[in-house]
Amino acid sequence: MNHKISNSRKCYILTMKLLMWISLGITAALVLFLVGYILVKGTPYITWELLSTEPSYLSEQIGILPDILNTLYIIIATLLFVIPLGVGAAIYLTEYAKNEKVVSAIEYAAETLSGIPSIIYGLIGMLFFCQFLNLKISLLAGALTLVIMNLPTVMRTTQESLKTVPQSYREGAFGLGVGKWRVIRTVVLPGCVDGVITGCILSVGRILGESAALLFTAGFAHALNGFFDGLSSSGCTLTVALYVYAKEQGEFEVAFAIAAILMVMTLVINFTATLVSRYFRKRRSL
């Protein structure tokens, strides 16, 4: 009887392992197919002229330089707002907040924010930032909308990283008569800098791939502007440009070229996040 039970258990374990390997193989095959298909279709159309010029309706020239710059502008503007807010909220929840109900309520609100569809963020951003605050359709309104979207990511990654710092480090610093803020600034934050950087890199990846929220807040303009002028005016990011060229203008070659660029940038961002996390993990273990 026990021999039969042992054999059936082995069969069950082998079956589950086989199913997991099949699932892993299907997932990896789909990812490789998607990446390969986009790169094969888009790479031949990536030219220096496409990357270094702005579009002209008179000469029917297509260029994505304004879209690349607008993407960089909105990434910088979003990080300038979301990093202080996210890190500050994480420090408050981990180091200062004593009321567990308040902490639970804030964490629940952050988790709820991360689950809201991005199109709803776009509508709220249009009503609040563009109309109520009178920022018009601009990159700044789009950046502020993305701040709300990426705040839970930065906050949660920083908060989890703060919890990994041993309590003995804090107690040792307090025993030397150091104030709480100085302990956080000189002992706690340096020990969790990997979580902060990883959260920022993941936020950049989400900013890079966002389009629905920016359709209503940042606009479609392909104008070539400087940083401050660009923030106060309408601008088209790479993802929005991909939608415009594919859906509105039928320029599928340009759309695939932009998709290939975005794919490469996404792979670089994910690879960078892995390397940074691994580097700081090794450094902490020394």
C-alpha atoms as a PDB file:
ATOM      1  CA  MET A   1       0.000   0.000   0.000  1.00  0.00           C
ATOM      2  CA  ASN A   2       2.759   2.430   0.966  1.00  0.00           C
ATOM      3  CA  HIS A   3       4.644   1.447  -2.199  1.00  0.00           C
ATOM      4  CA  LYS A   4       1.611   2.391  -4.330  1.00  0.00           C
ATOM      5  CA  ILE A   5       1.250   5.742  -2.543  1.00  0.00           C
ATOM      6  CA  SER A   6       4.936   6.456  -3.057  1.00  0.00           C
ATOM      7  CA  ASN A   7       4.704   5.681  -6.786  1.00  0.00           C
ATOM      8  CA  SER A   8       1.602   7.855  -7.252  1.00  0.00           C
ATOM      9  CA  ARG A   9       3.303  10.718  -5.437  1.00  0.00           C
ATOM     10  CA  LYS A  10       6.362  10.430  -7.679  1.00  0.00           C
ATOM     11  CA  CYS A  11       4.116  10.465 -10.755  1.00  0.00           C
ATOM     12  CA  TYR A  12       2.342  13.545  -9.445  1.00  0.00           C
ATOM     13  CA  ILE A  13       5.634  15.365  -8.825  1.00  0.00           C
ATOM     14  CA  LEU A  14       6.973  14.425 -12.254  1.00  0.00           C
ATOM     15  CA  THR A  15       3.737  15.564 -13.898  1.00  0.00           C
ATOM     16  CA  MET A  16       3.851  18.934 -12.127  1.00  0.00           C
ATOM     17  CA  LYS A  17       7.513  19.437 -13.075  1.00  0.00           C
ATOM     18  CA  LEU A  18       6.711  18.587 -16.685  1.00  0.00           C
ATOM     19  CA  LEU A  19       3.826  21.073 -16.734  1.00  0.00           C
ATOM     20  CA  MET A  20       6.021  23.784 -15.226  1.00  0.00           C
ATOM     21  CA  TRP A  21       8.742  23.184 -17.820  1.00  0.00           C
ATOM     22  CA  ILE A  22       6.159  23.278 -20.614  1.00  0.00           C
ATOM     23  CA  SER A  23       4.748  26.540 -19.263  1.00  0.00           C
ATOM     24  CA  LEU A  24       8.249  27.984 -18.986  1.00  0.00           C
ATOM     25  CA  GLY A  25       9.072  26.929 -22.543  1.00  0.00           C
ATOM     26  CA  ILE A  26       5.870  28.424 -23.971  1.00  0.00           C
ATOM     27  CA  THR A  27       6.417  31.716 -22.128  1.00  0.00           C
ATOM     28  CA  ALA A  28      10.048  31.970 -23.222  1.00  0.00           C
ATOM     29  CA  ALA A  29       9.126  31.091 -26.820  1.00  0.00           C
ATOM     30  CA  LEU A  30       6.418  33.785 -26.909  1.00  0.00           C
ATOM     31  CA  VAL A  31       8.791  36.421 -25.537  1.00  0.00           C
ATOM     32  CA  LEU A  32      11.562  35.493 -27.971  1.00  0.00           C
ATOM     33  CA  PHE A  33       9.120  35.444 -30.877  1.00  0.00           C
ATOM     34  CA  LEU A  34       7.705  38.866 -29.967  1.00  0.00           C
ATOM     35  CA  VAL A  35      11.133  40.464 -29.510  1.00  0.00           C
ATOM     36  CA  GLY A  36      12.542  38.837 -32.629  1.00  0.00           C
ATOM     37  CA  TYR A  37       9.532  39.712 -34.799  1.00  0.00           C
ATOM     38  CA  ILE A  38       9.605  43.375 -33.807  1.00  0.00           C
ATOM     39  CA  LEU A  39      13.364  43.659 -34.271  1.00  0.00           C
ATOM     40  CA  VAL A  40      13.274  41.925 -37.670  1.00  0.00           C
ATOM     41  CA  LYS A  41      10.401  44.075 -38.895  1.00  0.00           C
ATOM     42  CA  GLY A  42      11.621  47.378 -37.458  1.00  0.00           C
ATOM     43  CA  THR A  43      15.423  47.364 -37.606  1.00  0.00           C
ATOM     44  CA  PRO A  44      15.718  47.764 -41.419  1.00  0.00           C
ATOM     45  CA  TYR A  45      13.778  51.046 -41.236  1.00  0.00           C
ATOM     46  CA  ILE A  46      15.918  52.616 -38.488  1.00  0.00           C
ATOM     47  CA  THR A  47      18.098  55.176 -40.245  1.00  0.00           C
ATOM     48  CA  TRP A  48      20.153  58.138 -39.104  1.00  0.00           C
ATOM     49  CA  GLU A  49      17.798  60.437 -40.998  1.00  0.00           C
ATOM     50  CA  LEU A  50      14.839  59.042 -39.060  1.00  0.00           C
ATOM     51  CA  LEU A  51      16.592  59.502 -35.716  1.00  0.00           C
ATOM     52  CA  SER A  52      18.111  62.946 -36.317  1.00  0.00           C
ATOM     53  CA  THR A  53      15.403  64.939 -38.094  1.00  0.00           C
ATOM     54  CA  GLU A  54      11.985  66.347 -37.306  1.00  0.00           C
ATOM     55  CA  PRO A  55       8.905  65.630 -39.426  1.00  0.00           C
ATOM     56  CA  SER A  56       7.983  68.048 -42.194  1.00  0.00           C
ATOM     57  CA  TYR A  57       4.573  68.016 -43.815  1.00  0.00           C
ATOM     58  CA  LEU A  58       5.802  70.173 -46.726  1.00  0.00           C
ATOM     59  CA  SER A  59       8.562  67.782 -47.804  1.00  0.00           C
ATOM     60  CA  GLU A  60       6.721  64.720 -46.452  1.00  0.00           C
ATOM     61  CA  GLN A  61       9.786  63.907 -44.366  1.00  0.00           C
ATOM     62  CA  ILE A  62       9.390  61.690 -41.302  1.00  0.00           C
ATOM     63  CA  GLY A  63      11.701  62.097 -38.306  1.00  0.00           C
ATOM     64  CA  ILE A  64      11.364  61.119 -34.677  1.00  0.00           C
ATOM     65  CA  LEU A  65      13.993  63.374 -33.069  1.00  0.00           C
ATOM     66  CA  PRO A  66      11.302  65.522 -31.326  1.00  0.00           C
ATOM     67  CA  ASP A  67       9.619  62.352 -30.052  1.00  0.00           C
ATOM     68  CA  ILE A  68      12.912  61.039 -28.620  1.00  0.00           C
ATOM     69  CA  LEU A  69      13.609  64.355 -26.877  1.00  0.00           C
ATOM     70  CA  ASN A  70      10.031  64.582 -25.556  1.00  0.00           C
ATOM     71  CA  THR A  71      10.406  61.079 -24.111  1.00  0.00           C
ATOM     72  CA  LEU A  72      13.624  62.114 -22.334  1.00  0.00           C
ATOM     73  CA  TYR A  73      12.004  65.329 -21.065  1.00  0.00           C
ATOM     74  CA  ILE A  74       9.012  63.532 -19.599  1.00  0.00           C
ATOM     75  CA  ILE A  75      11.225  60.868 -17.975  1.00  0.00           C
ATOM     76  CA  ILE A  76      13.395  63.529 -16.299  1.00  0.00           C
ATOM     77  CA  ALA A  77      10.402  65.595 -15.159  1.00  0.00           C
ATOM     78  CA  THR A  78       8.599  62.548 -13.754  1.00  0.00           C
ATOM     79  CA  LEU A  79      11.643  61.345 -11.814  1.00  0.00           C
ATOM     80  CA  LEU A  80      12.241  64.828 -10.371  1.00  0.00           C
ATOM     81  CA  PHE A  81       8.812  64.628  -8.730  1.00  0.00           C
ATOM     82  CA  VAL A  82       8.324  60.929  -8.020  1.00  0.00           C
ATOM     83  CA  ILE A  83      11.685  60.181  -6.347  1.00  0.00           C
ATOM     84  CA  PRO A  84      11.322  62.691  -3.449  1.00  0.00           C
ATOM     85  CA  LEU A  85       7.651  61.808  -2.979  1.00  0.00           C
ATOM     86  CA  GLY A  86       8.118  58.031  -3.154  1.00  0.00           C
ATOM     87  CA  VAL A  87      11.263  57.871  -1.022  1.00  0.00           C
ATOM     88  CA  GLY A  88       9.844  60.348   1.498  1.00  0.00           C
ATOM     89  CA  ALA A  89       6.602  58.378   1.826  1.00  0.00           C
ATOM     90  CA  ALA A  90       8.549  55.135   2.281  1.00  0.00           C
ATOM     91  CA  ILE A  91      10.752  56.686   4.986  1.00  0.00           C
ATOM     92  CA  TYR A  92       7.709  58.002   6.831  1.00  0.00           C
ATOM     93  CA  LEU A  93       5.867  54.675   6.714  1.00  0.00           C
ATOM     94  CA  THR A  94       8.908  52.638   7.773  1.00  0.00           C
ATOM     95  CA  GLU A  95      10.721  54.906  10.216  1.00  0.00           C
ATOM     96  CA  TYR A  96       8.251  57.415  11.643  1.00  0.00           C
ATOM     97  CA  ALA A  97       4.660  56.152  11.419  1.00  0.00           C
ATOM     98  CA  LYS A  98       3.488  54.512  14.644  1.00  0.00           C
ATOM     99  CA  ASN A  99      -0.212  54.052  13.916  1.00  0.00           C
ATOM    100  CA  GLU A 100      -0.558  50.713  12.131  1.00  0.00           C
ATOM    101  CA  LYS A 101      -4.033  51.583  10.851  1.00  0.00           C
ATOM    102  CA  VAL A 102      -2.723  54.701   9.114  1.00  0.00           C
ATOM    103  CA  VAL A 103       0.163  52.729   7.611  1.00  0.00           C
ATOM    104  CA  SER A 104      -2.221  50.010   6.389  1.00  0.00           C
ATOM    105  CA  ALA A 105      -4.546  52.623   4.874  1.00  0.00           C
ATOM    106  CA  ILE A 106      -1.702  54.339   3.005  1.00  0.00           C
ATOM    107  CA  GLU A 107      -0.299  51.029   1.755  1.00  0.00           C
ATOM    108  CA  TYR A 108      -3.773  49.949   0.623  1.00  0.00           C
ATOM    109  CA  ALA A 109      -4.226  53.242  -1.227  1.00  0.00           C
ATOM    110  CA  ALA A 110      -0.842  52.769  -2.932  1.00  0.00           C
ATOM    111  CA  GLU A 111      -1.713  49.221  -3.992  1.00  0.00           C
ATOM    112  CA  THR A 112      -5.052  50.474  -5.332  1.00  0.00           C
ATOM    113  CA  LEU A 113      -3.294  53.155  -7.361  1.00  0.00           C
ATOM    114  CA  SER A 114      -1.052  50.562  -8.991  1.00  0.00           C
ATOM    115  CA  GLY A 115      -4.087  48.583 -10.171  1.00  0.00           C
ATOM    116  CA  ILE A 116      -6.032  51.407 -11.855  1.00  0.00           C
ATOM    117  CA  PRO A 117      -6.035  51.288 -15.693  1.00  0.00           C
ATOM    118  CA  SER A 118      -3.809  53.926 -17.252  1.00  0.00           C
ATOM    119  CA  ILE A 119      -6.609  55.333 -19.418  1.00  0.00           C
ATOM    120  CA  ILE A 120      -8.371  56.439 -16.229  1.00  0.00           C
ATOM    121  CA  TYR A 121      -5.197  58.218 -15.131  1.00  0.00           C
ATOM    122  CA  GLY A 122      -5.251  60.011 -18.466  1.00  0.00           C
ATOM    123  CA  LEU A 123      -8.821  61.223 -17.984  1.00  0.00           C
ATOM    124  CA  ILE A 124      -8.119  62.360 -14.405  1.00  0.00           C
ATOM    125  CA  GLY A 125      -4.897  64.055 -15.503  1.00  0.00           C
ATOM    126  CA  MET A 126      -6.721  65.893 -18.269  1.00  0.00           C
ATOM    127  CA  LEU A 127      -9.457  67.115 -15.910  1.00  0.00           C
ATOM    128  CA  PHE A 128      -7.200  68.033 -12.986  1.00  0.00           C
ATOM    129  CA  PHE A 129      -3.812  69.056 -14.388  1.00  0.00           C
ATOM    130  CA  CYS A 130      -4.799  70.307 -17.826  1.00  0.00           C
ATOM    131  CA  GLN A 131      -8.088  72.028 -16.983  1.00  0.00           C
ATOM    132  CA  PHE A 132      -8.313  72.660 -13.228  1.00  0.00           C
ATOM    133  CA  LEU A 133      -4.642  73.672 -12.777  1.00  0.00           C
ATOM    134  CA  ASN A 134      -4.660  75.278 -16.240  1.00  0.00           C
ATOM    135  CA  LEU A 135      -1.481  73.512 -17.412  1.00  0.00           C
ATOM    136  CA  LYS A 136      -3.098  72.897 -20.806  1.00  0.00           C
ATOM    137  CA  ILE A 137      -2.095  69.883 -22.887  1.00  0.00           C
ATOM    138  CA  SER A 138       1.612  69.736 -22.087  1.00  0.00           C
ATOM    139  CA  LEU A 139       4.470  67.442 -21.182  1.00  0.00           C
ATOM    140  CA  LEU A 140       4.348  68.781 -17.626  1.00  0.00           C
ATOM    141  CA  ALA A 141       0.727  67.658 -17.251  1.00  0.00           C
ATOM    142  CA  GLY A 142       1.708  64.260 -18.643  1.00  0.00           C
ATOM    143  CA  ALA A 143       4.678  64.031 -16.269  1.00  0.00           C
ATOM    144  CA  LEU A 144       2.514  64.851 -13.235  1.00  0.00           C
ATOM    145  CA  THR A 145       0.041  62.179 -14.315  1.00  0.00           C
ATOM    146  CA  LEU A 146       2.875  59.661 -14.585  1.00  0.00           C
ATOM    147  CA  VAL A 147       4.049  60.682 -11.104  1.00  0.00           C
ATOM    148  CA  ILE A 148       0.778  59.395  -9.650  1.00  0.00           C
ATOM    149  CA  MET A 149       1.074  56.196 -11.676  1.00  0.00           C
ATOM    150  CA  ASN A 150       4.671  55.446 -10.643  1.00  0.00           C
ATOM    151  CA  LEU A 151       4.476  56.612  -7.033  1.00  0.00           C
ATOM    152  CA  PRO A 152       3.414  53.156  -5.713  1.00  0.00           C
ATOM    153  CA  THR A 153       6.366  51.467  -7.477  1.00  0.00           C
ATOM    154  CA  VAL A 154       9.010  53.771  -6.009  1.00  0.00           C
ATOM    155  CA  MET A 155       7.342  53.802  -2.603  1.00  0.00           C
ATOM    156  CA  ARG A 156       6.962  50.036  -2.275  1.00  0.00           C
ATOM    157  CA  THR A 157      10.443  49.136  -3.551  1.00  0.00           C
ATOM    158  CA  THR A 158      12.024  51.697  -1.228  1.00  0.00           C
ATOM    159  CA  GLN A 159       9.889  50.572   1.694  1.00  0.00           C
ATOM    160  CA  GLU A 160      10.803  46.914   1.231  1.00  0.00           C
ATOM    161  CA  SER A 161      14.467  47.850   0.903  1.00  0.00           C
ATOM    162  CA  LEU A 162      14.318  49.919   4.107  1.00  0.00           C
ATOM    163  CA  LYS A 163      12.973  46.901   5.967  1.00  0.00           C
ATOM    164  CA  THR A 164      16.029  44.856   4.962  1.00  0.00           C
ATOM    165  CA  VAL A 165      18.387  47.174   6.876  1.00  0.00           C
ATOM    166  CA  PRO A 166      19.114  45.421  10.216  1.00  0.00           C
ATOM    167  CA  GLN A 167      17.599  47.064  13.282  1.00  0.00           C
ATOM    168  CA  SER A 168      20.949  46.691  15.048  1.00  0.00           C
ATOM    169  CA  TYR A 169      22.408  49.352  12.734  1.00  0.00           C
ATOM    170  CA  ARG A 170      19.832  51.852  13.932  1.00  0.00           C
ATOM    171  CA  GLU A 171      20.232  50.890  17.578  1.00  0.00           C
ATOM    172  CA  GLY A 172      24.018  51.183  17.353  1.00  0.00           C
ATOM    173  CA  ALA A 173      23.753  54.674  15.878  1.00  0.00           C
ATOM    174  CA  PHE A 174      21.191  55.726  18.486  1.00  0.00           C
ATOM    175  CA  GLY A 175      23.507  54.402  21.180  1.00  0.00           C
ATOM    176  CA  LEU A 176      26.172  56.845  19.979  1.00  0.00           C
ATOM    177  CA  GLY A 177      23.741  59.723  20.492  1.00  0.00           C
ATOM    178  CA  VAL A 178      22.943  60.332  16.832  1.00  0.00           C
ATOM    179  CA  GLY A 179      19.567  61.903  15.974  1.00  0.00           C
ATOM    180  CA  LYS A 180      16.892  59.980  14.104  1.00  0.00           C
ATOM    181  CA  TRP A 181      17.100  61.909  10.828  1.00  0.00           C
ATOM    182  CA  ARG A 182      20.889  61.625  10.794  1.00  0.00           C
ATOM    183  CA  VAL A 183      20.606  57.886  11.366  1.00  0.00           C
ATOM    184  CA  ILE A 184      18.222  57.623   8.423  1.00  0.00           C
ATOM    185  CA  ARG A 185      20.394  59.806   6.214  1.00  0.00           C
ATOM    186  CA  THR A 186      23.795  58.284   7.009  1.00  0.00           C
ATOM    187  CA  VAL A 187      22.998  54.691   8.022  1.00  0.00           C
ATOM    188  CA  VAL A 188      19.623  53.533   6.703  1.00  0.00           C
ATOM    189  CA  LEU A 189      19.462  55.132   3.258  1.00  0.00           C
ATOM    190  CA  PRO A 190      22.974  54.067   2.180  1.00  0.00           C
ATOM    191  CA  GLY A 191      22.023  50.510   3.131  1.00  0.00           C
ATOM    192  CA  CYS A 192      18.932  50.487   0.909  1.00  0.00           C
ATOM    193  CA  VAL A 193      20.119  52.532  -2.045  1.00  0.00           C
ATOM    194  CA  ASP A 194      19.733  49.463  -4.271  1.00  0.00           C
ATOM    195  CA  GLY A 195      15.965  49.438  -3.707  1.00  0.00           C
ATOM    196  CA  VAL A 196      15.681  53.137  -4.518  1.00  0.00           C
ATOM    197  CA  ILE A 197      17.685  52.791  -7.733  1.00  0.00           C
ATOM    198  CA  THR A 198      15.805  49.659  -8.782  1.00  0.00           C
ATOM    199  CA  GLY A 199      12.465  51.403  -8.208  1.00  0.00           C
ATOM    200  CA  CYS A 200      13.605  54.368 -10.299  1.00  0.00           C
ATOM    201  CA  ILE A 201      14.757  52.137 -13.155  1.00  0.00           C
ATOM    202  CA  LEU A 202      11.478  50.203 -13.130  1.00  0.00           C
ATOM    203  CA  SER A 203       9.606  53.517 -13.153  1.00  0.00           C
ATOM    204  CA  VAL A 204      11.598  54.615 -16.193  1.00  0.00           C
ATOM    205  CA  GLY A 205      10.528  51.417 -17.930  1.00  0.00           C
ATOM    206  CA  ARG A 206       6.869  52.110 -17.220  1.00  0.00           C
ATOM    207  CA  ILE A 207       7.184  55.756 -18.264  1.00  0.00           C
ATOM    208  CA  LEU A 208       8.828  54.646 -21.489  1.00  0.00           C
ATOM    209  CA  GLY A 209       5.993  52.298 -22.363  1.00  0.00           C
ATOM    210  CA  GLU A 210       3.063  54.477 -21.350  1.00  0.00           C
ATOM    211  CA  SER A 211       0.772  55.846 -24.020  1.00  0.00           C
ATOM    212  CA  ALA A 212      -2.875  55.814 -22.889  1.00  0.00           C
ATOM    213  CA  ALA A 213      -2.376  58.351 -20.092  1.00  0.00           C
ATOM    214  CA  LEU A 214      -0.313  60.645 -22.333  1.00  0.00           C
ATOM    215  CA  LEU A 215      -2.852  60.745 -25.137  1.00  0.00           C
ATOM    216  CA  PHE A 216      -5.074  63.016 -23.033  1.00  0.00           C
ATOM    217  CA  THR A 217      -2.405  64.993 -21.178  1.00  0.00           C
ATOM    218  CA  ALA A 218       0.770  65.407 -23.261  1.00  0.00           C
ATOM    219  CA  GLY A 219      -0.719  65.601 -26.738  1.00  0.00           C
ATOM    220  CA  PHE A 220       0.460  64.735 -30.252  1.00  0.00           C
ATOM    221  CA  ALA A 221       2.760  67.610 -31.278  1.00  0.00           C
ATOM    222  CA  HIS A 222       6.040  66.748 -33.024  1.00  0.00           C
ATOM    223  CA  ALA A 223       7.615  70.161 -32.314  1.00  0.00           C
ATOM    224  CA  LEU A 224      11.328  70.358 -31.527  1.00  0.00           C
ATOM    225  CA  ASN A 225      11.751  72.314 -28.258  1.00  0.00           C
ATOM    226  CA  GLY A 226      14.214  72.764 -25.436  1.00  0.00           C
ATOM    227  CA  PHE A 227      13.608  71.251 -22.008  1.00  0.00           C
ATOM    228  CA  PHE A 228      11.689  74.084 -20.340  1.00  0.00           C
ATOM    229  CA  ASP A 229       9.839  75.119 -23.494  1.00  0.00           C
ATOM    230  CA  GLY A 230       8.990  71.488 -24.145  1.00  0.00           C
ATOM    231  CA  LEU A 231       7.507  70.972 -20.684  1.00  0.00           C
ATOM    232  CA  SER A 232       5.115  73.899 -21.137  1.00  0.00           C
ATOM    233  CA  SER A 233       3.953  72.810 -24.598  1.00  0.00           C
ATOM    234  CA  SER A 234       2.318  69.779 -26.157  1.00  0.00           C
ATOM    235  CA  GLY A 235       4.648  66.942 -27.089  1.00  0.00           C
ATOM    236  CA  CYS A 236       4.492  63.458 -28.557  1.00  0.00           C
ATOM    237  CA  THR A 237       6.508  60.692 -26.886  1.00  0.00           C
ATOM    238  CA  LEU A 238       7.763  57.606 -28.699  1.00  0.00           C
ATOM    239  CA  THR A 239       4.835  55.421 -27.648  1.00  0.00           C
ATOM    240  CA  VAL A 240       2.281  58.038 -28.657  1.00  0.00           C
ATOM    241  CA  ALA A 241       4.168  58.561 -31.931  1.00  0.00           C
ATOM    242  CA  LEU A 242       3.973  54.813 -32.569  1.00  0.00           C
ATOM    243  CA  TYR A 243       0.187  54.978 -32.143  1.00  0.00           C
ATOM    244  CA  VAL A 244      -0.127  58.045 -34.383  1.00  0.00           C
ATOM    245  CA  TYR A 245       1.998  56.650 -37.216  1.00  0.00           C
ATOM    246  CA  ALA A 246       0.341  53.219 -37.114  1.00  0.00           C
ATOM    247  CA  LYS A 247      -3.288  54.148 -36.441  1.00  0.00           C
ATOM    248  CA  GLU A 248      -3.738  57.638 -37.850  1.00  0.00           C
ATOM    249  CA  GLN A 249      -1.239  57.825 -40.729  1.00  0.00           C
ATOM    250  CA  GLY A 250      -0.763  54.196 -41.730  1.00  0.00           C
ATOM    251  CA  GLU A 251       3.051  54.448 -41.659  1.00  0.00           C
ATOM    252  CA  PHE A 252       3.643  50.924 -40.398  1.00  0.00           C
ATOM    253  CA  GLU A 253       7.333  50.916 -41.325  1.00  0.00           C
ATOM    254  CA  VAL A 254       7.955  53.904 -39.052  1.00  0.00           C
ATOM    255  CA  ALA A 255       5.755  52.336 -36.359  1.00  0.00           C
ATOM    256  CA  PHE A 256       7.802  49.127 -36.421  1.00  0.00           C
ATOM    257  CA  ALA A 257      11.033  51.153 -36.304  1.00  0.00           C
ATOM    258  CA  ILE A 258       9.802  52.994 -33.201  1.00  0.00           C
ATOM    259  CA  ALA A 259       8.660  49.678 -31.690  1.00  0.00           C
ATOM    260  CA  ALA A 260      12.138  48.227 -32.245  1.00  0.00           C
ATOM    261  CA  ILE A 261      13.731  51.248 -30.560  1.00  0.00           C
ATOM    262  CA  LEU A 262      11.363  50.939 -27.603  1.00  0.00           C
ATOM    263  CA  MET A 263      12.020  47.219 -27.367  1.00  0.00           C
ATOM    264  CA  VAL A 264      15.780  47.744 -27.243  1.00  0.00           C
ATOM    265  CA  MET A 265      15.403  50.505 -24.638  1.00  0.00           C
ATOM    266  CA  THR A 266      13.150  48.283 -22.513  1.00  0.00           C
ATOM    267  CA  LEU A 267      15.626  45.391 -22.664  1.00  0.00           C
ATOM    268  CA  VAL A 268      18.467  47.747 -21.708  1.00  0.00           C
ATOM    269  CA  ILE A 269      16.464  49.133 -18.767  1.00  0.00           C
ATOM    270  CA  ASN A 270      15.583  45.666 -17.438  1.00  0.00           C
ATOM    271  CA  PHE A 271      19.176  44.482 -17.877  1.00  0.00           C
ATOM    272  CA  THR A 272      20.446  47.588 -16.083  1.00  0.00           C
ATOM    273  CA  ALA A 273      18.031  47.038 -13.194  1.00  0.00           C
ATOM    274  CA  THR A 274      19.279  43.458 -12.827  1.00  0.00           C
ATOM    275  CA  LEU A 275      22.941  44.515 -12.875  1.00  0.00           C
ATOM    276  CA  VAL A 276      22.395  47.352 -10.379  1.00  0.00           C
ATOM    277  CA  SER A 277      20.490  45.109  -7.990  1.00  0.00           C
ATOM    278  CA  ARG A 278      23.171  42.406  -8.245  1.00  0.00           C
ATOM    279  CA  TYR A 279      25.989  44.925  -7.731  1.00  0.00           C
ATOM    280  CA  PHE A 280      24.540  46.424  -4.573  1.00  0.00           C
ATOM    281  CA  ARG A 281      23.609  42.988  -3.247  1.00  0.00           C
ATOM    282  CA  LYS A 282      27.227  41.850  -3.601  1.00  0.00           C
ATOM    283  CA  ARG A 283      28.472  45.095  -2.114  1.00  0.00           C
ATOM    284  CA  ARG A 284      26.198  44.685   0.893  1.00  0.00           C
ATOM    285  CA  SER A 285      27.375  41.109   1.476  1.00  0.00           C
ATOM    286  CA  LEU A 286      31.045  42.165   1.689  1.00  0.00           C
END
